[in-house]
């Protein structure tokens, strides 16, 4: 996956994964609800183009928050 295809800077994409990780580990949100609830909240907080990010996440294995961690996050590790 080329970093140039990211709709946000690589550092923000990596921070998105970290944010989702922290949110899913929080006591009140310990399970994925099979949405992009946390990914979207992060994107909203940085003013990112959510529709573009969502399309990119889904195309890269991130169909929901937990898949953002397990699939997309691992792919991003190779970009660092």
C-alpha atoms as a PDB file:
ATOM      1  CA  UNK A   1       0.000   0.000   0.000  1.00  0.00           C
ATOM      2  CA  UNK A   2       1.551   3.275  -1.017  1.00  0.00           C
ATOM      3  CA  UNK A   3       1.484   6.093   1.495  1.00  0.00           C
ATOM      4  CA  UNK A   4       0.711   8.457  -1.368  1.00  0.00           C
ATOM      5  CA  UNK A   5      -2.723   6.856  -1.648  1.00  0.00           C
ATOM      6  CA  UNK A   6      -3.570   7.907   1.904  1.00  0.00           C
ATOM      7  CA  UNK A   7      -6.185  10.675   2.084  1.00  0.00           C
ATOM      8  CA  UNK A   8      -4.414  12.012   5.206  1.00  0.00           C
ATOM      9  CA  UNK A   9      -0.707  12.251   6.069  1.00  0.00           C
ATOM     10  CA  UNK A  10       0.907   8.986   7.160  1.00  0.00           C
ATOM     11  CA  UNK A  11       1.518  10.376  10.655  1.00  0.00           C
ATOM     12  CA  UNK A  12      -2.198  11.132  11.029  1.00  0.00           C
ATOM     13  CA  UNK A  13      -3.152   7.676   9.744  1.00  0.00           C
ATOM     14  CA  UNK A  14      -0.836   6.111  12.321  1.00  0.00           C
ATOM     15  CA  UNK A  15      -2.292   8.379  15.014  1.00  0.00           C
ATOM     16  CA  UNK A  16      -5.797   7.294  13.944  1.00  0.00           C
ATOM     17  CA  UNK A  17      -4.847   3.659  14.563  1.00  0.00           C
ATOM     18  CA  UNK A  18      -3.402   4.590  17.959  1.00  0.00           C
ATOM     19  CA  UNK A  19      -6.549   6.491  18.869  1.00  0.00           C
ATOM     20  CA  UNK A  20      -8.777   3.550  17.898  1.00  0.00           C
ATOM     21  CA  UNK A  21      -6.524   1.220  19.923  1.00  0.00           C
ATOM     22  CA  UNK A  22      -6.844   3.409  23.021  1.00  0.00           C
ATOM     23  CA  UNK A  23     -10.601   3.778  22.630  1.00  0.00           C
ATOM     24  CA  UNK A  24     -11.222   0.070  22.191  1.00  0.00           C
ATOM     25  CA  UNK A  25      -9.130  -0.577  25.278  1.00  0.00           C
ATOM     26  CA  UNK A  26     -11.120   1.869  27.410  1.00  0.00           C
ATOM     27  CA  UNK A  27     -13.278   0.178  30.066  1.00  0.00           C
ATOM     28  CA  UNK A  28     -16.563   1.449  28.646  1.00  0.00           C
ATOM     29  CA  UNK A  29     -15.671   0.720  24.992  1.00  0.00           C
ATOM     30  CA  UNK A  30     -13.790  -2.558  25.262  1.00  0.00           C
ATOM     31  CA  UNK A  31     -15.640  -4.181  22.362  1.00  0.00           C
ATOM     32  CA  UNK A  32     -15.958  -3.216  18.736  1.00  0.00           C
ATOM     33  CA  UNK A  33     -19.499  -2.381  17.662  1.00  0.00           C
ATOM     34  CA  UNK A  34     -18.591  -3.112  14.013  1.00  0.00           C
ATOM     35  CA  UNK A  35     -18.673   0.536  12.980  1.00  0.00           C
ATOM     36  CA  UNK A  36     -16.027   3.196  12.434  1.00  0.00           C
ATOM     37  CA  UNK A  37     -17.250   5.119  15.482  1.00  0.00           C
ATOM     38  CA  UNK A  38     -13.777   5.807  16.866  1.00  0.00           C
ATOM     39  CA  UNK A  39     -12.036   6.254  13.526  1.00  0.00           C
ATOM     40  CA  UNK A  40     -14.642   8.806  12.527  1.00  0.00           C
ATOM     41  CA  UNK A  41     -14.377  10.635  15.854  1.00  0.00           C
ATOM     42  CA  UNK A  42     -10.620  10.959  15.334  1.00  0.00           C
ATOM     43  CA  UNK A  43     -11.048  12.205  11.774  1.00  0.00           C
ATOM     44  CA  UNK A  44     -13.649  14.712  12.892  1.00  0.00           C
ATOM     45  CA  UNK A  45     -11.277  15.965  15.591  1.00  0.00           C
ATOM     46  CA  UNK A  46      -8.519  16.719  13.066  1.00  0.00           C
ATOM     47  CA  UNK A  47     -10.806  18.020  10.324  1.00  0.00           C
ATOM     48  CA  UNK A  48     -10.044  15.158   7.925  1.00  0.00           C
ATOM     49  CA  UNK A  49     -12.261  14.311   4.968  1.00  0.00           C
ATOM     50  CA  UNK A  50     -14.132  11.405   6.597  1.00  0.00           C
ATOM     51  CA  UNK A  51     -15.729   9.989   3.418  1.00  0.00           C
ATOM     52  CA  UNK A  52     -12.295   9.773   1.765  1.00  0.00           C
ATOM     53  CA  UNK A  53     -10.718   8.198   4.853  1.00  0.00           C
ATOM     54  CA  UNK A  54     -13.569   5.701   5.209  1.00  0.00           C
ATOM     55  CA  UNK A  55     -13.206   4.614   1.581  1.00  0.00           C
ATOM     56  CA  UNK A  56      -9.461   4.200   2.069  1.00  0.00           C
ATOM     57  CA  UNK A  57      -9.895   2.240   5.322  1.00  0.00           C
ATOM     58  CA  UNK A  58     -12.383  -0.165   3.753  1.00  0.00           C
ATOM     59  CA  UNK A  59     -10.138  -0.660   0.714  1.00  0.00           C
ATOM     60  CA  UNK A  60      -7.276  -1.535   3.059  1.00  0.00           C
ATOM     61  CA  UNK A  61      -8.986  -4.070   5.311  1.00  0.00           C
ATOM     62  CA  UNK A  62     -10.544  -1.691   7.832  1.00  0.00           C
ATOM     63  CA  UNK A  63     -14.270  -2.409   7.608  1.00  0.00           C
ATOM     64  CA  UNK A  64     -14.773  -1.396  11.263  1.00  0.00           C
ATOM     65  CA  UNK A  65     -12.694  -0.118  14.180  1.00  0.00           C
ATOM     66  CA  UNK A  66     -11.291  -3.510  15.190  1.00  0.00           C
ATOM     67  CA  UNK A  67     -10.311  -4.273  11.604  1.00  0.00           C
ATOM     68  CA  UNK A  68      -8.612  -0.879  11.425  1.00  0.00           C
ATOM     69  CA  UNK A  69      -6.386  -2.187  14.230  1.00  0.00           C
ATOM     70  CA  UNK A  70      -5.777  -5.692  12.970  1.00  0.00           C
ATOM     71  CA  UNK A  71      -5.566  -5.106   9.214  1.00  0.00           C
ATOM     72  CA  UNK A  72      -5.015  -1.478   8.302  1.00  0.00           C
ATOM     73  CA  UNK A  73      -2.724  -0.775  11.262  1.00  0.00           C
ATOM     74  CA  UNK A  74      -0.439  -3.642  10.330  1.00  0.00           C
ATOM     75  CA  UNK A  75      -0.256  -2.410   6.746  1.00  0.00           C
ATOM     76  CA  UNK A  76       0.658   1.059   7.924  1.00  0.00           C
ATOM     77  CA  UNK A  77       3.521  -0.353   9.997  1.00  0.00           C
ATOM     78  CA  UNK A  78       5.259  -1.199   6.737  1.00  0.00           C
ATOM     79  CA  UNK A  79       5.036   2.416   5.632  1.00  0.00           C
ATOM     80  CA  UNK A  80       6.955   3.843   8.591  1.00  0.00           C
END
